[in-house]
Amino acid sequence: MFDRDIWQEIFHSIKNNKLRTFLTGFSVGWGIFILVMLLGSVNGMQNGFHNQFNDDATNTIFVSPGKTSKAYAGFEAERRIQFKNDDIEYIKKSFGGDFEQISGRMRRGTTARYKSETGTYQVQAVHPDFQVIEKTIIMDGRFINTNDLLSSSKVAVIGRKVAEDLFKKEDPIGKFVEFNGLPFRVIGVFTDDGDDNAERGIFAPISTYQRIYGNTENIDQIALTYNTSYDLTKALEFSRRLEDIMKRRHKISPEDQAGIFVWNYAEAFDNISSFTGLLNKGSIFVVILILIAGIVGIGNIMIFIIKERTKEIGVRKALGAEPWQIIKLVLFESIFITGLSGFIGLLFATGILAAIGPNIKTDAFADPSVSFSTVVTATVILVIAGVLAGLIPAVKAANVKPIVALSDK
């Protein structure tokens, strides 16, 4: 219940110790401010990482050829590995139940022209499965299909930004665009929620680009998605088996880390989670140290105030005040100072994050913010800190003997 006398005494005590109260309260408020800002920053890093990977399915593995660093099976070191269409068929036969989608990929730059408009873009020549692997959203028309692949059709799916650059307000579907002087028919327009730069890309059938560039079966990279029922352990085990079998196929030493590169999103997400988890723990540890300093400061103030009011406390006890009434007075003052200063720090930090957070969107950092549970946790920490700061001084005050207090000078 609200006790007017207690609160009058609390405000009177604070008024008589303005500077000390401000300095110690500031340390608590600063600790809460740092806690919220650090946790918000960690969340911003997590959001940035997830936005980077949001363009692709989270169960994706990329297999890329490299250059061997060791001699093996009669082959010299520094041998460049080249993937071909047969590698995709080999993976399909070897890992029937492990993968869901698979696609080769070639990347080539192109100068695109439609009527008087031109632009330079990157073409990704892929298989139809790549739509699922890269989570490509078709906003108009369709994606590449099996018939396009088998007939090596000169068709293209262009990004929304490409359509705006070349076609302005005109509908691009069915129109012909020149890629490095060769006519391609536009069959679809795609968008990308996570990356505007991706919308400046173009997709084409990989068989078409293999014919254009030397009539070969070469591919630059293999992308596939593993079984969605796999947990992290199974996903990593699958990528290790995939790496081993591709090394055997291309006569690469098992110890050679440069011949083939296998990049698994599951491992990347696990590393990110571990990293941000460490950041969270480090942030909390730093803030605990700051809060401890604030608690000690407030405890010192309360001890000093009790020393100044020793005679007053003795009079209260002589007149029949119970120990718990003395403890309540000291604890209320401690909690009030801690709670008010910490709440100001909390409001200031959440206000800054709310104001600038939504406007920050980069590849590595995006929308720093704190959850409601974090705010509630910080509030609980404030109350606990206030109790801890005032507990020892309150017990000391309650144990003051009236006869000793009244004789105090």
Protein backbone atom coordinates (compact mmCIF):
# COMPACT_ATOMS: atom_id res chain seq x y z
CA MET A 1 0.00 0.00 0.00
CA PHE A 2 1.06 3.61 -0.56
CA ASP A 3 2.65 5.10 2.57
CA ARG A 4 2.96 8.86 2.23
CA ASP A 5 5.37 9.24 5.14
CA ILE A 6 7.80 6.70 3.72
CA TRP A 7 7.89 8.39 0.31
CA GLN A 8 8.35 11.81 1.90
CA GLU A 9 11.37 10.46 3.74
CA ILE A 10 12.73 8.86 0.56
CA PHE A 11 12.49 12.14 -1.38
CA HIS A 12 13.96 14.06 1.54
CA SER A 13 16.93 11.67 1.64
CA ILE A 14 17.49 11.93 -2.12
CA LYS A 15 17.27 15.74 -1.94
CA ASN A 16 19.98 15.84 0.72
CA ASN A 17 22.28 13.58 -1.35
CA LYS A 18 21.69 14.81 -4.89
CA LEU A 19 25.16 14.35 -6.35
CA ARG A 20 25.87 10.92 -4.86
CA THR A 21 22.39 9.69 -5.81
CA PHE A 22 22.79 10.95 -9.38
CA LEU A 23 26.23 9.41 -9.89
CA THR A 24 25.31 5.98 -8.57
CA GLY A 25 21.92 6.03 -10.28
CA PHE A 26 23.69 6.97 -13.52
CA SER A 27 25.88 3.86 -13.31
CA VAL A 28 22.78 1.65 -13.06
CA GLY A 29 20.99 3.50 -15.86
CA TRP A 30 24.11 3.30 -18.02
CA GLY A 31 24.37 -0.44 -17.35
CA ILE A 32 20.79 -1.05 -18.51
CA PHE A 33 21.35 1.24 -21.51
CA ILE A 34 24.45 -0.72 -22.52
CA LEU A 35 22.62 -4.03 -21.99
CA VAL A 36 19.74 -3.09 -24.29
CA MET A 37 22.01 -1.55 -26.94
CA LEU A 38 24.36 -4.54 -26.95
CA LEU A 39 21.52 -7.07 -27.19
CA GLY A 40 19.88 -4.96 -29.91
CA SER A 41 23.17 -4.88 -31.83
CA VAL A 42 23.56 -8.65 -31.55
CA ASN A 43 20.02 -9.06 -32.89
CA GLY A 44 20.92 -6.67 -35.71
CA MET A 45 23.89 -8.86 -36.62
CA GLN A 46 21.69 -11.96 -36.56
CA ASN A 47 19.15 -10.25 -38.82
CA GLY A 48 21.91 -9.20 -41.21
CA PHE A 49 23.30 -12.73 -41.40
CA HIS A 50 19.86 -14.22 -41.96
CA ASN A 51 19.08 -11.65 -44.66
CA GLN A 52 22.26 -12.65 -46.46
CA PHE A 53 21.19 -16.28 -46.50
CA ASN A 54 17.48 -15.61 -46.95
CA ASP A 55 17.84 -15.64 -50.74
CA ASP A 56 18.45 -19.38 -50.75
CA ALA A 57 16.82 -22.41 -49.19
CA THR A 58 18.27 -22.99 -45.73
CA ASN A 59 19.07 -26.64 -46.57
CA THR A 60 21.34 -25.74 -49.49
CA ILE A 61 24.80 -27.09 -50.25
CA PHE A 62 27.10 -25.57 -52.87
CA VAL A 63 29.90 -27.69 -54.36
CA SER A 64 32.61 -25.77 -56.21
CA PRO A 65 35.70 -27.02 -58.04
CA GLY A 66 39.10 -25.63 -57.11
CA LYS A 67 42.78 -26.30 -57.81
CA THR A 68 44.52 -29.22 -56.14
CA SER A 69 47.29 -28.44 -53.67
CA LYS A 70 48.74 -31.97 -53.52
CA ALA A 71 49.89 -34.55 -56.03
CA TYR A 72 47.66 -37.64 -55.96
CA ALA A 73 46.98 -40.82 -57.97
CA GLY A 74 49.58 -39.93 -60.61
CA PHE A 75 48.32 -36.38 -61.04
CA GLU A 76 50.47 -33.38 -60.22
CA ALA A 77 49.51 -30.60 -57.82
CA GLU A 78 48.00 -27.34 -59.10
CA ARG A 79 45.55 -29.29 -61.29
CA ARG A 80 42.34 -27.37 -61.92
CA ILE A 81 39.17 -29.41 -61.35
CA GLN A 82 36.33 -29.09 -63.85
CA PHE A 83 32.77 -30.24 -63.16
CA LYS A 84 30.59 -31.55 -65.98
CA ASN A 85 26.99 -32.63 -66.47
CA ASP A 86 27.98 -36.21 -65.60
CA ASP A 87 28.83 -35.07 -62.07
CA ILE A 88 25.22 -34.13 -61.48
CA GLU A 89 24.02 -37.51 -62.73
CA TYR A 90 26.63 -39.21 -60.53
CA ILE A 91 25.35 -37.39 -57.43
CA LYS A 92 21.77 -38.30 -58.30
CA LYS A 93 22.66 -42.00 -58.49
CA SER A 94 24.88 -41.94 -55.39
CA PHE A 95 22.59 -39.97 -53.06
CA GLY A 96 19.05 -40.79 -54.10
CA GLY A 97 17.40 -40.27 -50.70
CA ASP A 98 19.66 -37.52 -49.45
CA PHE A 99 18.90 -34.65 -51.82
CA GLU A 100 15.69 -33.00 -53.03
CA GLN A 101 16.72 -30.55 -55.76
CA ILE A 102 19.95 -30.29 -57.74
CA SER A 103 21.22 -27.88 -60.37
CA GLY A 104 24.39 -26.95 -62.16
CA ARG A 105 25.31 -23.28 -62.41
CA MET A 106 27.30 -21.15 -64.82
CA ARG A 107 27.79 -17.42 -64.34
CA ARG A 108 28.45 -15.12 -67.27
CA GLY A 109 28.31 -11.37 -67.71
CA THR A 110 26.22 -9.98 -70.53
CA THR A 111 25.30 -6.72 -72.16
CA ALA A 112 21.54 -6.75 -72.67
CA ARG A 113 19.73 -4.56 -75.16
CA TYR A 114 16.09 -3.95 -75.92
CA LYS A 115 15.36 -1.29 -78.55
CA SER A 116 17.39 1.75 -77.42
CA GLU A 117 17.88 0.60 -73.81
CA THR A 118 21.02 -1.27 -72.73
CA GLY A 119 22.46 -2.57 -69.48
CA THR A 120 25.15 -4.85 -68.11
CA TYR A 121 23.97 -7.78 -66.00
CA GLN A 122 24.98 -11.23 -64.80
CA VAL A 123 23.36 -14.32 -66.25
CA GLN A 124 23.02 -17.46 -64.15
CA ALA A 125 22.63 -20.48 -66.42
CA VAL A 126 20.90 -23.17 -64.35
CA HIS A 127 18.61 -26.20 -64.26
CA PRO A 128 14.88 -25.85 -63.44
CA ASP A 129 15.44 -27.03 -59.83
CA PHE A 130 17.38 -23.86 -59.14
CA GLN A 131 14.13 -21.95 -58.65
CA VAL A 132 13.54 -23.83 -55.39
CA ILE A 133 17.20 -23.76 -54.34
CA GLU A 134 17.40 -19.97 -54.61
CA LYS A 135 13.78 -19.38 -53.57
CA THR A 136 13.11 -17.41 -56.75
CA ILE A 137 9.69 -15.74 -56.73
CA ILE A 138 8.10 -15.48 -60.17
CA MET A 139 5.94 -12.36 -60.37
CA ASP A 140 5.02 -12.73 -64.03
CA GLY A 141 5.36 -15.55 -66.57
CA ARG A 142 7.26 -18.70 -65.57
CA PHE A 143 10.68 -20.11 -64.71
CA ILE A 144 12.86 -22.32 -66.89
CA ASN A 145 11.41 -25.81 -67.41
CA THR A 146 12.66 -29.20 -68.62
CA ASN A 147 11.64 -28.56 -72.25
CA ASP A 148 13.74 -25.37 -72.30
CA LEU A 149 16.68 -27.41 -71.00
CA LEU A 150 16.32 -30.30 -73.46
CA SER A 151 15.92 -28.04 -76.49
CA SER A 152 18.61 -25.55 -75.35
CA SER A 153 16.10 -22.75 -75.91
CA LYS A 154 17.24 -19.16 -75.92
CA VAL A 155 14.84 -18.08 -73.20
CA ALA A 156 15.45 -15.95 -70.12
CA VAL A 157 13.86 -15.09 -66.79
CA ILE A 158 14.81 -11.52 -65.90
CA GLY A 159 14.83 -9.73 -62.56
CA ARG A 160 12.37 -6.98 -61.73
CA LYS A 161 15.08 -4.31 -61.91
CA VAL A 162 16.20 -5.57 -65.33
CA ALA A 163 12.61 -5.32 -66.56
CA GLU A 164 12.39 -1.75 -65.27
CA ASP A 165 15.71 -0.79 -66.85
CA LEU A 166 15.06 -2.23 -70.30
CA PHE A 167 11.30 -2.26 -70.72
CA LYS A 168 10.20 0.71 -68.59
CA LYS A 169 6.39 0.41 -68.51
CA GLU A 170 6.20 -2.19 -71.29
CA ASP A 171 5.27 -5.82 -70.56
CA PRO A 172 8.47 -7.85 -71.16
CA ILE A 173 6.86 -11.31 -71.41
CA GLY A 174 7.31 -12.72 -74.92
CA LYS A 175 9.64 -9.93 -76.04
CA PHE A 176 13.13 -10.59 -77.39
CA VAL A 177 16.23 -9.15 -75.74
CA GLU A 178 19.76 -9.33 -77.10
CA PHE A 179 22.36 -10.82 -74.75
CA ASN A 180 25.78 -10.06 -76.21
CA GLY A 181 24.12 -9.83 -79.61
CA LEU A 182 22.11 -13.09 -79.34
CA PRO A 183 18.29 -12.90 -79.15
CA PHE A 184 16.62 -14.38 -76.05
CA ARG A 185 12.89 -14.50 -75.45
CA VAL A 186 11.74 -13.31 -72.03
CA ILE A 187 9.51 -15.96 -70.41
CA GLY A 188 9.34 -14.63 -66.87
CA VAL A 189 10.08 -11.85 -64.40
CA PHE A 190 11.22 -12.63 -60.86
CA THR A 191 11.53 -10.69 -57.63
CA ASP A 192 13.64 -11.18 -54.52
CA ASP A 193 12.45 -10.14 -51.05
CA GLY A 194 15.89 -10.25 -49.46
CA ASP A 195 18.15 -8.57 -52.02
CA ASP A 196 17.49 -5.81 -54.55
CA ASN A 197 20.79 -6.57 -56.29
CA ALA A 198 19.54 -10.08 -57.08
CA GLU A 199 16.72 -8.48 -59.07
CA ARG A 200 19.36 -7.18 -61.48
CA GLY A 201 20.15 -10.77 -62.46
CA ILE A 202 18.99 -13.05 -65.27
CA PHE A 203 18.35 -16.81 -65.42
CA ALA A 204 18.76 -18.94 -68.56
CA PRO A 205 18.90 -22.69 -69.31
CA ILE A 206 22.36 -24.07 -68.58
CA SER A 207 22.28 -26.21 -71.73
CA THR A 208 21.86 -23.06 -73.82
CA TYR A 209 24.94 -21.41 -72.36
CA GLN A 210 26.95 -24.61 -72.66
CA ARG A 211 26.26 -24.54 -76.40
CA ILE A 212 27.05 -20.84 -76.68
CA TYR A 213 30.34 -21.14 -74.79
CA GLY A 214 32.17 -23.86 -76.70
CA ASN A 215 29.43 -26.48 -77.03
CA THR A 216 30.72 -28.17 -73.87
CA GLU A 217 29.22 -29.91 -70.82
CA ASN A 218 31.23 -27.84 -68.34
CA ILE A 219 29.57 -26.37 -65.30
CA ASP A 220 31.01 -23.94 -62.74
CA GLN A 221 29.23 -25.11 -59.62
CA ILE A 222 26.70 -27.64 -58.32
CA ALA A 223 23.92 -26.54 -55.99
CA LEU A 224 21.58 -28.93 -54.20
CA THR A 225 19.19 -29.10 -51.28
CA TYR A 226 19.41 -31.98 -48.83
CA ASN A 227 16.50 -33.83 -47.21
CA THR A 228 14.54 -31.35 -45.07
CA SER A 229 14.10 -33.96 -42.33
CA TYR A 230 17.84 -33.93 -41.62
CA ASP A 231 19.04 -32.27 -38.45
CA LEU A 232 22.40 -30.50 -38.20
CA THR A 233 24.35 -33.71 -37.54
CA LYS A 234 22.85 -35.53 -40.53
CA ALA A 235 23.25 -32.48 -42.77
CA LEU A 236 26.94 -32.16 -41.95
CA GLU A 237 27.46 -35.91 -42.32
CA PHE A 238 25.83 -35.77 -45.77
CA SER A 239 28.06 -32.89 -46.91
CA ARG A 240 31.14 -34.82 -45.72
CA ARG A 241 30.06 -37.90 -47.71
CA LEU A 242 29.38 -35.70 -50.71
CA GLU A 243 32.85 -34.17 -50.47
CA ASP A 244 34.53 -37.56 -50.10
CA ILE A 245 32.80 -39.12 -53.10
CA MET A 246 33.48 -36.09 -55.33
CA LYS A 247 37.16 -36.21 -54.34
CA ARG A 248 37.35 -39.87 -55.25
CA ARG A 249 35.63 -39.23 -58.55
CA HIS A 250 38.05 -36.46 -59.50
CA LYS A 251 41.17 -38.16 -58.08
CA ILE A 252 41.78 -35.63 -55.32
CA SER A 253 43.67 -36.47 -52.14
CA PRO A 254 41.35 -36.86 -49.11
CA GLU A 255 43.59 -34.42 -47.22
CA ASP A 256 43.51 -31.83 -50.02
CA GLN A 257 41.28 -28.95 -48.89
CA ALA A 258 41.75 -26.90 -52.07
CA GLY A 259 40.57 -29.31 -54.77
CA ILE A 260 36.85 -29.14 -53.98
CA PHE A 261 34.92 -26.76 -51.75
CA VAL A 262 31.67 -27.88 -50.12
CA TRP A 263 29.70 -25.10 -48.42
CA ASN A 264 26.74 -26.15 -46.29
CA TYR A 265 24.22 -23.57 -45.06
CA ALA A 266 23.52 -25.72 -42.00
CA GLU A 267 27.13 -25.30 -40.86
CA ALA A 268 27.01 -21.58 -41.60
CA PHE A 269 23.85 -21.13 -39.54
CA ASP A 270 25.35 -23.18 -36.72
CA ASN A 271 28.50 -21.04 -36.72
CA ILE A 272 26.43 -17.85 -36.74
CA SER A 273 24.27 -19.09 -33.87
CA SER A 274 27.37 -19.98 -31.85
CA PHE A 275 28.99 -16.64 -32.60
CA THR A 276 25.96 -14.55 -31.71
CA GLY A 277 25.41 -16.72 -28.62
CA LEU A 278 28.92 -15.85 -27.44
CA LEU A 279 28.24 -12.18 -28.16
CA ASN A 280 25.05 -12.36 -26.07
CA LYS A 281 26.89 -13.96 -23.17
CA GLY A 282 29.73 -11.46 -23.42
CA SER A 283 27.28 -8.56 -23.47
CA ILE A 284 25.46 -9.85 -20.41
CA PHE A 285 28.77 -10.38 -18.57
CA VAL A 286 29.88 -6.79 -19.26
CA VAL A 287 26.54 -5.41 -18.13
CA ILE A 288 26.59 -7.50 -14.94
CA LEU A 289 29.92 -5.91 -14.06
CA ILE A 290 28.48 -2.44 -14.66
CA LEU A 291 25.39 -3.25 -12.60
CA ILE A 292 27.51 -4.62 -9.76
CA ALA A 293 29.40 -1.33 -9.70
CA GLY A 294 26.06 0.51 -9.54
CA ILE A 295 24.73 -1.78 -6.80
CA VAL A 296 27.87 -1.24 -4.72
CA GLY A 297 27.55 2.50 -5.24
CA ILE A 298 23.92 2.58 -4.14
CA GLY A 299 24.74 0.31 -1.19
CA ASN A 300 27.46 2.74 -0.11
CA ILE A 301 25.03 5.65 -0.35
CA MET A 302 22.48 3.80 1.75
CA ILE A 303 25.10 2.95 4.39
CA PHE A 304 26.19 6.58 4.50
CA ILE A 305 22.58 7.76 4.79
CA ILE A 306 21.90 5.27 7.59
CA LYS A 307 24.99 6.47 9.45
CA GLU A 308 23.71 10.04 9.20
CA ARG A 309 20.27 8.95 10.45
CA THR A 310 21.46 6.62 13.20
CA LYS A 311 19.91 8.73 15.96
CA GLU A 312 16.65 9.04 14.03
CA ILE A 313 16.48 5.27 13.58
CA GLY A 314 17.17 4.83 17.31
CA VAL A 315 14.26 7.12 18.14
CA ARG A 316 11.98 5.13 15.81
CA LYS A 317 12.95 1.86 17.46
CA ALA A 318 12.58 3.37 20.93
CA LEU A 319 9.06 4.42 19.99
CA GLY A 320 8.20 0.86 18.94
CA ALA A 321 9.15 0.65 15.25
CA GLU A 322 9.55 -2.95 14.15
CA PRO A 323 12.76 -4.07 12.34
CA TRP A 324 10.81 -4.87 9.17
CA GLN A 325 9.55 -1.26 9.06
CA ILE A 326 13.14 0.00 9.08
CA ILE A 327 14.12 -2.57 6.43
CA LYS A 328 11.14 -1.55 4.28
CA LEU A 329 12.13 2.12 4.41
CA VAL A 330 15.71 1.44 3.29
CA LEU A 331 14.74 -1.11 0.62
CA PHE A 332 12.07 1.15 -0.87
CA GLU A 333 14.59 3.96 -1.23
CA SER A 334 17.15 1.64 -2.82
CA ILE A 335 14.63 0.12 -5.23
CA PHE A 336 13.30 3.56 -6.14
CA ILE A 337 16.74 4.93 -7.03
CA THR A 338 17.75 1.79 -8.93
CA GLY A 339 14.41 1.37 -10.69
CA LEU A 340 14.05 4.99 -11.75
CA SER A 341 17.60 5.37 -13.08
CA GLY A 342 17.52 1.98 -14.79
CA PHE A 343 14.10 2.62 -16.31
CA ILE A 344 15.35 5.90 -17.78
CA GLY A 345 18.29 4.03 -19.32
CA LEU A 346 15.89 1.38 -20.63
CA LEU A 347 13.55 3.95 -22.21
CA PHE A 348 16.44 5.85 -23.75
CA ALA A 349 17.96 2.71 -25.32
CA THR A 350 14.68 1.28 -26.64
CA GLY A 351 13.76 4.72 -28.00
CA ILE A 352 17.01 4.94 -29.96
CA LEU A 353 16.60 1.42 -31.35
CA ALA A 354 12.97 2.07 -32.30
CA ALA A 355 13.92 5.32 -34.06
CA ILE A 356 16.94 4.19 -36.07
CA GLY A 357 16.62 0.39 -36.14
CA PRO A 358 14.09 0.04 -39.02
CA ASN A 359 16.24 2.34 -41.19
CA ILE A 360 19.37 0.20 -40.88
CA LYS A 361 19.44 -2.55 -43.49
CA THR A 362 22.82 -3.79 -44.70
CA ASP A 363 24.20 -7.19 -45.62
CA ALA A 364 25.86 -7.61 -42.22
CA PHE A 365 23.57 -5.57 -39.94
CA ALA A 366 19.83 -5.00 -40.12
CA ASP A 367 17.03 -3.72 -37.89
CA PRO A 368 18.69 -3.85 -34.44
CA SER A 369 15.94 -4.29 -31.86
CA VAL A 370 15.07 -5.94 -28.57
CA SER A 371 12.15 -8.20 -27.82
CA PHE A 372 9.46 -7.59 -25.22
CA SER A 373 10.91 -10.44 -23.15
CA THR A 374 14.24 -8.58 -23.03
CA VAL A 375 12.52 -5.47 -21.70
CA VAL A 376 10.69 -7.51 -19.05
CA THR A 377 13.94 -9.24 -18.08
CA ALA A 378 15.71 -5.89 -17.76
CA THR A 379 12.90 -4.63 -15.51
CA VAL A 380 13.20 -7.69 -13.27
CA ILE A 381 16.97 -7.14 -13.12
CA LEU A 382 16.35 -3.58 -11.95
CA VAL A 383 14.12 -4.71 -9.08
CA ILE A 384 16.58 -7.41 -8.03
CA ALA A 385 19.46 -4.92 -8.24
CA GLY A 386 17.55 -2.50 -6.03
CA VAL A 387 16.87 -5.18 -3.42
CA LEU A 388 20.51 -6.31 -3.43
CA ALA A 389 21.77 -2.75 -3.16
CA GLY A 390 19.63 -2.00 -0.13
CA LEU A 391 19.57 -5.38 1.60
CA ILE A 392 22.79 -5.15 3.64
CA PRO A 393 22.23 -1.49 4.65
CA ALA A 394 18.61 -2.30 5.55
CA VAL A 395 19.60 -5.21 7.80
CA LYS A 396 22.28 -3.06 9.39
CA ALA A 397 19.75 -0.33 10.09
CA ALA A 398 17.26 -2.83 11.55
CA ASN A 399 19.90 -4.13 13.94
CA VAL A 400 20.72 -0.71 15.40
CA LYS A 401 20.16 -0.76 19.18
CA PRO A 402 18.13 2.22 20.41
CA ILE A 403 20.42 2.98 23.37
CA VAL A 404 23.52 3.03 21.12
CA ALA A 405 21.77 5.07 18.44
CA LEU A 406 20.51 7.69 20.88
CA SER A 407 24.01 8.18 22.27
CA ASP A 408 25.46 8.58 18.76
CA LYS A 409 26.97 12.01 18.04
